[in-house]
N, C-alpha and C. Protein backbone atom coordinates (compact mmCIF):
# COMPACT_ATOMS: atom_id res chain seq x y z
N MET A 1 -15.12 -29.11 -20.28
CA MET A 1 -15.34 -27.68 -20.18
C MET A 1 -14.36 -26.98 -21.13
N PRO A 2 -14.85 -26.11 -21.97
CA PRO A 2 -13.96 -25.42 -22.91
C PRO A 2 -12.92 -24.57 -22.19
N SER A 3 -11.75 -24.43 -22.82
CA SER A 3 -10.66 -23.68 -22.19
C SER A 3 -11.01 -22.21 -22.00
N GLU A 4 -11.90 -21.65 -22.88
CA GLU A 4 -12.29 -20.26 -22.73
C GLU A 4 -13.02 -20.03 -21.40
N ILE A 5 -13.83 -21.00 -20.99
CA ILE A 5 -14.56 -20.88 -19.72
C ILE A 5 -13.59 -20.94 -18.56
N LEU A 6 -12.62 -21.86 -18.63
CA LEU A 6 -11.62 -21.94 -17.57
C LEU A 6 -10.81 -20.66 -17.50
N ASP A 7 -10.46 -20.11 -18.67
CA ASP A 7 -9.67 -18.88 -18.69
C ASP A 7 -10.44 -17.71 -18.08
N ILE A 8 -11.73 -17.60 -18.39
CA ILE A 8 -12.51 -16.49 -17.84
C ILE A 8 -12.72 -16.69 -16.35
N GLN A 9 -12.85 -17.92 -15.89
CA GLN A 9 -12.97 -18.17 -14.46
C GLN A 9 -11.68 -17.79 -13.74
N SER A 10 -10.58 -18.15 -14.33
CA SER A 10 -9.28 -17.79 -13.77
C SER A 10 -9.10 -16.27 -13.78
N MET A 11 -9.53 -15.64 -14.88
CA MET A 11 -9.42 -14.20 -15.00
C MET A 11 -10.28 -13.51 -13.95
N ARG A 12 -11.49 -14.01 -13.73
CA ARG A 12 -12.38 -13.42 -12.72
C ARG A 12 -11.78 -13.56 -11.32
N GLN A 13 -11.18 -14.70 -11.04
CA GLN A 13 -10.56 -14.90 -9.73
C GLN A 13 -9.39 -13.92 -9.56
N SER A 14 -8.57 -13.79 -10.59
CA SER A 14 -7.45 -12.85 -10.54
C SER A 14 -7.95 -11.42 -10.41
N ALA A 15 -9.03 -11.10 -11.11
CA ALA A 15 -9.61 -9.76 -11.02
C ALA A 15 -10.11 -9.48 -9.60
N GLY A 16 -10.67 -10.49 -8.97
CA GLY A 16 -11.12 -10.34 -7.59
C GLY A 16 -9.96 -10.04 -6.65
N PHE A 17 -8.86 -10.77 -6.82
CA PHE A 17 -7.67 -10.52 -6.02
C PHE A 17 -7.13 -9.12 -6.27
N ALA A 18 -7.08 -8.71 -7.53
CA ALA A 18 -6.58 -7.38 -7.89
C ALA A 18 -7.47 -6.29 -7.30
N ALA A 19 -8.77 -6.48 -7.36
CA ALA A 19 -9.70 -5.48 -6.83
C ALA A 19 -9.52 -5.33 -5.31
N ALA A 20 -9.34 -6.44 -4.61
CA ALA A 20 -9.11 -6.38 -3.16
C ALA A 20 -7.79 -5.68 -2.85
N PHE A 21 -6.78 -5.97 -3.65
CA PHE A 21 -5.46 -5.35 -3.48
C PHE A 21 -5.56 -3.84 -3.68
N LEU A 22 -6.22 -3.43 -4.75
CA LEU A 22 -6.38 -2.00 -5.04
C LEU A 22 -7.24 -1.31 -3.98
N LYS A 23 -8.26 -2.00 -3.48
CA LYS A 23 -9.12 -1.43 -2.45
C LYS A 23 -8.31 -1.11 -1.20
N SER A 24 -7.35 -1.96 -0.87
CA SER A 24 -6.54 -1.72 0.32
C SER A 24 -5.68 -0.46 0.18
N MET A 25 -5.41 -0.05 -1.03
CA MET A 25 -4.60 1.14 -1.28
C MET A 25 -5.45 2.36 -1.64
N ALA A 26 -6.73 2.16 -1.87
CA ALA A 26 -7.60 3.22 -2.39
C ALA A 26 -8.04 4.20 -1.31
N ASN A 27 -7.07 4.88 -0.74
CA ASN A 27 -7.32 5.88 0.28
C ASN A 27 -6.16 6.86 0.20
N GLU A 28 -6.47 8.15 0.21
CA GLU A 28 -5.42 9.16 0.06
C GLU A 28 -4.33 9.03 1.11
N ASP A 29 -4.71 8.87 2.38
CA ASP A 29 -3.71 8.75 3.44
C ASP A 29 -2.86 7.50 3.28
N ARG A 30 -3.49 6.38 2.92
CA ARG A 30 -2.71 5.15 2.74
C ARG A 30 -1.74 5.27 1.58
N LEU A 31 -2.16 5.93 0.50
CA LEU A 31 -1.24 6.14 -0.63
C LEU A 31 -0.06 7.01 -0.23
N VAL A 32 -0.32 8.07 0.52
CA VAL A 32 0.76 8.95 0.96
C VAL A 32 1.73 8.18 1.86
N LEU A 33 1.19 7.36 2.77
CA LEU A 33 2.06 6.56 3.64
C LEU A 33 2.91 5.59 2.82
N LEU A 34 2.28 4.92 1.87
CA LEU A 34 3.03 3.97 1.04
C LEU A 34 4.10 4.68 0.22
N CYS A 35 3.78 5.86 -0.30
CA CYS A 35 4.78 6.62 -1.06
C CYS A 35 5.99 6.94 -0.18
N GLN A 36 5.76 7.32 1.07
CA GLN A 36 6.88 7.60 1.98
C GLN A 36 7.68 6.33 2.26
N LEU A 37 7.00 5.19 2.33
CA LEU A 37 7.69 3.94 2.62
C LEU A 37 8.46 3.39 1.43
N THR A 38 8.21 3.92 0.22
CA THR A 38 9.00 3.48 -0.93
C THR A 38 10.45 3.90 -0.77
N GLU A 39 10.69 4.93 0.04
CA GLU A 39 12.05 5.42 0.30
C GLU A 39 12.79 4.54 1.30
N GLY A 40 12.06 3.62 1.95
CA GLY A 40 12.67 2.74 2.94
C GLY A 40 11.89 2.75 4.23
N GLU A 41 12.40 2.01 5.18
CA GLU A 41 11.75 1.88 6.48
C GLU A 41 11.68 3.23 7.19
N ARG A 42 10.54 3.48 7.84
CA ARG A 42 10.34 4.74 8.57
C ARG A 42 9.66 4.45 9.90
N SER A 43 9.96 5.30 10.88
CA SER A 43 9.29 5.19 12.17
C SER A 43 7.92 5.85 12.09
N VAL A 44 7.07 5.54 13.04
CA VAL A 44 5.75 6.16 13.10
C VAL A 44 5.90 7.67 13.24
N GLY A 45 6.83 8.12 14.07
CA GLY A 45 7.06 9.55 14.24
C GLY A 45 7.48 10.22 12.95
N GLU A 46 8.37 9.56 12.19
CA GLU A 46 8.79 10.10 10.89
C GLU A 46 7.60 10.20 9.94
N LEU A 47 6.79 9.14 9.91
CA LEU A 47 5.64 9.13 9.02
C LEU A 47 4.65 10.24 9.38
N GLU A 48 4.45 10.46 10.66
CA GLU A 48 3.54 11.53 11.09
C GLU A 48 4.08 12.88 10.65
N GLN A 49 5.37 13.09 10.84
CA GLN A 49 5.98 14.37 10.46
C GLN A 49 5.98 14.58 8.95
N LEU A 50 6.34 13.54 8.20
CA LEU A 50 6.45 13.66 6.74
C LEU A 50 5.10 13.80 6.05
N THR A 51 4.08 13.14 6.58
CA THR A 51 2.79 13.12 5.89
C THR A 51 1.78 14.10 6.44
N GLY A 52 1.98 14.55 7.69
CA GLY A 52 1.00 15.42 8.31
C GLY A 52 -0.24 14.69 8.78
N ILE A 53 -0.24 13.37 8.70
CA ILE A 53 -1.37 12.58 9.17
C ILE A 53 -1.23 12.42 10.68
N GLN A 54 -2.22 12.89 11.41
CA GLN A 54 -2.19 12.88 12.86
C GLN A 54 -2.75 11.58 13.44
N GLN A 55 -2.34 11.28 14.66
CA GLN A 55 -2.94 10.19 15.40
C GLN A 55 -4.38 10.58 15.71
N PRO A 56 -5.37 9.72 15.77
CA PRO A 56 -5.30 8.28 15.64
C PRO A 56 -5.45 7.79 14.20
N SER A 57 -5.68 8.73 13.26
CA SER A 57 -5.85 8.34 11.86
C SER A 57 -4.62 7.61 11.33
N LEU A 58 -3.43 8.08 11.73
CA LEU A 58 -2.19 7.44 11.27
C LEU A 58 -2.16 5.98 11.68
N SER A 59 -2.46 5.71 12.94
CA SER A 59 -2.46 4.32 13.42
C SER A 59 -3.51 3.49 12.71
N GLN A 60 -4.67 4.09 12.46
CA GLN A 60 -5.74 3.37 11.78
C GLN A 60 -5.31 2.97 10.37
N GLN A 61 -4.73 3.91 9.63
CA GLN A 61 -4.33 3.61 8.25
C GLN A 61 -3.16 2.62 8.20
N LEU A 62 -2.22 2.76 9.13
CA LEU A 62 -1.13 1.79 9.20
C LEU A 62 -1.68 0.40 9.54
N GLY A 63 -2.71 0.36 10.38
CA GLY A 63 -3.34 -0.91 10.73
C GLY A 63 -3.98 -1.58 9.53
N VAL A 64 -4.63 -0.80 8.69
CA VAL A 64 -5.24 -1.36 7.47
C VAL A 64 -4.15 -1.93 6.56
N LEU A 65 -3.10 -1.16 6.34
CA LEU A 65 -2.01 -1.62 5.47
C LEU A 65 -1.34 -2.87 6.04
N ARG A 66 -1.20 -2.91 7.35
CA ARG A 66 -0.59 -4.07 8.00
C ARG A 66 -1.51 -5.29 7.88
N ALA A 67 -2.80 -5.10 8.13
CA ALA A 67 -3.76 -6.20 8.05
C ALA A 67 -3.85 -6.78 6.64
N GLU A 68 -3.65 -5.94 5.64
CA GLU A 68 -3.69 -6.38 4.25
C GLU A 68 -2.36 -7.01 3.80
N GLY A 69 -1.37 -6.98 4.67
CA GLY A 69 -0.08 -7.59 4.35
C GLY A 69 0.80 -6.76 3.45
N LEU A 70 0.50 -5.45 3.33
CA LEU A 70 1.29 -4.60 2.44
C LEU A 70 2.53 -4.04 3.15
N ILE A 71 2.43 -3.88 4.46
CA ILE A 71 3.57 -3.38 5.24
C ILE A 71 3.78 -4.29 6.44
N GLN A 72 4.98 -4.18 7.00
CA GLN A 72 5.31 -4.99 8.16
C GLN A 72 5.94 -4.10 9.22
N PRO A 73 5.53 -4.29 10.48
CA PRO A 73 6.12 -3.50 11.56
C PRO A 73 7.37 -4.15 12.12
N ARG A 74 8.19 -3.32 12.74
CA ARG A 74 9.36 -3.80 13.48
C ARG A 74 9.49 -2.89 14.69
N ARG A 75 9.53 -3.50 15.86
CA ARG A 75 9.66 -2.72 17.09
C ARG A 75 11.12 -2.66 17.49
N GLU A 76 11.55 -1.45 17.85
CA GLU A 76 12.89 -1.24 18.36
C GLU A 76 12.75 -0.39 19.61
N GLY A 77 12.84 -1.04 20.78
CA GLY A 77 12.59 -0.34 22.03
C GLY A 77 11.16 0.14 22.07
N LYS A 78 10.97 1.44 22.27
CA LYS A 78 9.62 1.99 22.30
C LYS A 78 9.17 2.52 20.94
N PHE A 79 9.99 2.37 19.93
CA PHE A 79 9.67 2.88 18.60
C PHE A 79 9.20 1.77 17.67
N MET A 80 8.24 2.12 16.81
CA MET A 80 7.72 1.19 15.81
C MET A 80 8.13 1.70 14.44
N PHE A 81 8.67 0.81 13.64
CA PHE A 81 9.09 1.11 12.28
C PHE A 81 8.26 0.27 11.32
N TYR A 82 8.03 0.82 10.12
CA TYR A 82 7.28 0.10 9.09
C TYR A 82 8.06 0.10 7.79
N ARG A 83 7.84 -0.99 7.04
CA ARG A 83 8.43 -1.10 5.71
C ARG A 83 7.45 -1.83 4.81
N ILE A 84 7.56 -1.60 3.52
CA ILE A 84 6.72 -2.29 2.54
C ILE A 84 7.23 -3.72 2.40
N THR A 85 6.30 -4.67 2.44
CA THR A 85 6.69 -6.08 2.32
C THR A 85 6.17 -6.72 1.04
N ASP A 86 5.22 -6.11 0.39
CA ASP A 86 4.64 -6.67 -0.83
C ASP A 86 5.26 -5.94 -2.03
N THR A 87 6.06 -6.65 -2.80
CA THR A 87 6.77 -6.02 -3.92
C THR A 87 5.81 -5.48 -4.99
N ARG A 88 4.60 -6.02 -5.05
CA ARG A 88 3.62 -5.51 -6.02
C ARG A 88 3.28 -4.05 -5.73
N VAL A 89 3.35 -3.67 -4.45
CA VAL A 89 3.06 -2.29 -4.06
C VAL A 89 4.05 -1.34 -4.71
N LEU A 90 5.32 -1.70 -4.69
CA LEU A 90 6.35 -0.83 -5.28
C LEU A 90 6.12 -0.62 -6.77
N GLY A 91 5.83 -1.69 -7.48
CA GLY A 91 5.58 -1.58 -8.92
C GLY A 91 4.37 -0.73 -9.22
N LEU A 92 3.31 -0.91 -8.45
CA LEU A 92 2.09 -0.15 -8.67
C LEU A 92 2.31 1.32 -8.33
N LEU A 93 3.02 1.60 -7.24
CA LEU A 93 3.29 2.99 -6.87
C LEU A 93 4.16 3.69 -7.91
N ARG A 94 5.10 2.98 -8.50
CA ARG A 94 5.91 3.57 -9.57
C ARG A 94 5.04 3.93 -10.77
N ALA A 95 4.12 3.04 -11.11
CA ALA A 95 3.20 3.32 -12.23
C ALA A 95 2.29 4.50 -11.90
N LEU A 96 1.78 4.57 -10.67
CA LEU A 96 0.93 5.69 -10.27
C LEU A 96 1.71 7.00 -10.28
N GLU A 97 2.95 6.95 -9.82
CA GLU A 97 3.78 8.15 -9.82
C GLU A 97 4.00 8.66 -11.24
N ALA A 98 4.29 7.74 -12.16
CA ALA A 98 4.51 8.12 -13.55
C ALA A 98 3.24 8.71 -14.17
N ALA A 99 2.10 8.14 -13.80
CA ALA A 99 0.84 8.58 -14.39
C ALA A 99 0.28 9.85 -13.76
N PHE A 100 0.52 10.05 -12.46
CA PHE A 100 -0.16 11.14 -11.76
C PHE A 100 0.75 12.20 -11.16
N CYS A 101 2.02 11.90 -10.99
CA CYS A 101 2.89 12.84 -10.26
C CYS A 101 3.88 13.57 -11.17
N ARG A 102 4.42 12.92 -12.13
CA ARG A 102 5.41 13.53 -13.02
C ARG A 102 4.72 14.31 -14.12
N GLY A 103 4.75 15.61 -14.01
CA GLY A 103 4.15 16.44 -15.05
C GLY A 103 2.66 16.30 -15.18
N ALA A 104 2.01 15.84 -14.09
CA ALA A 104 0.55 15.69 -14.14
C ALA A 104 -0.11 17.07 -14.21
N PRO A 105 -1.22 17.15 -14.93
CA PRO A 105 -1.92 18.44 -15.04
C PRO A 105 -2.49 18.90 -13.71
């Protein structure tokens, strides 16, 4: 099998992984939550206050991010805290911030 075919197969597989990764972030509320978590670990109450996302939508979006492995919960007593666990998220959010937030039209 020619190396070009193997390369395109590998590229397609990587593209599939990238598309799934981007799909998990492709929601306004999830992006806002992830942006808040770039500053460090936050409690659910802090996230609700900072983002204005109300329950049950907040829990739903945190659940999606958790299921996709992008964030990780930590329970402390009756409080739940979240932090970003996938370093690719930080790099992508920095690129999005540069492209869309700093001096964006």
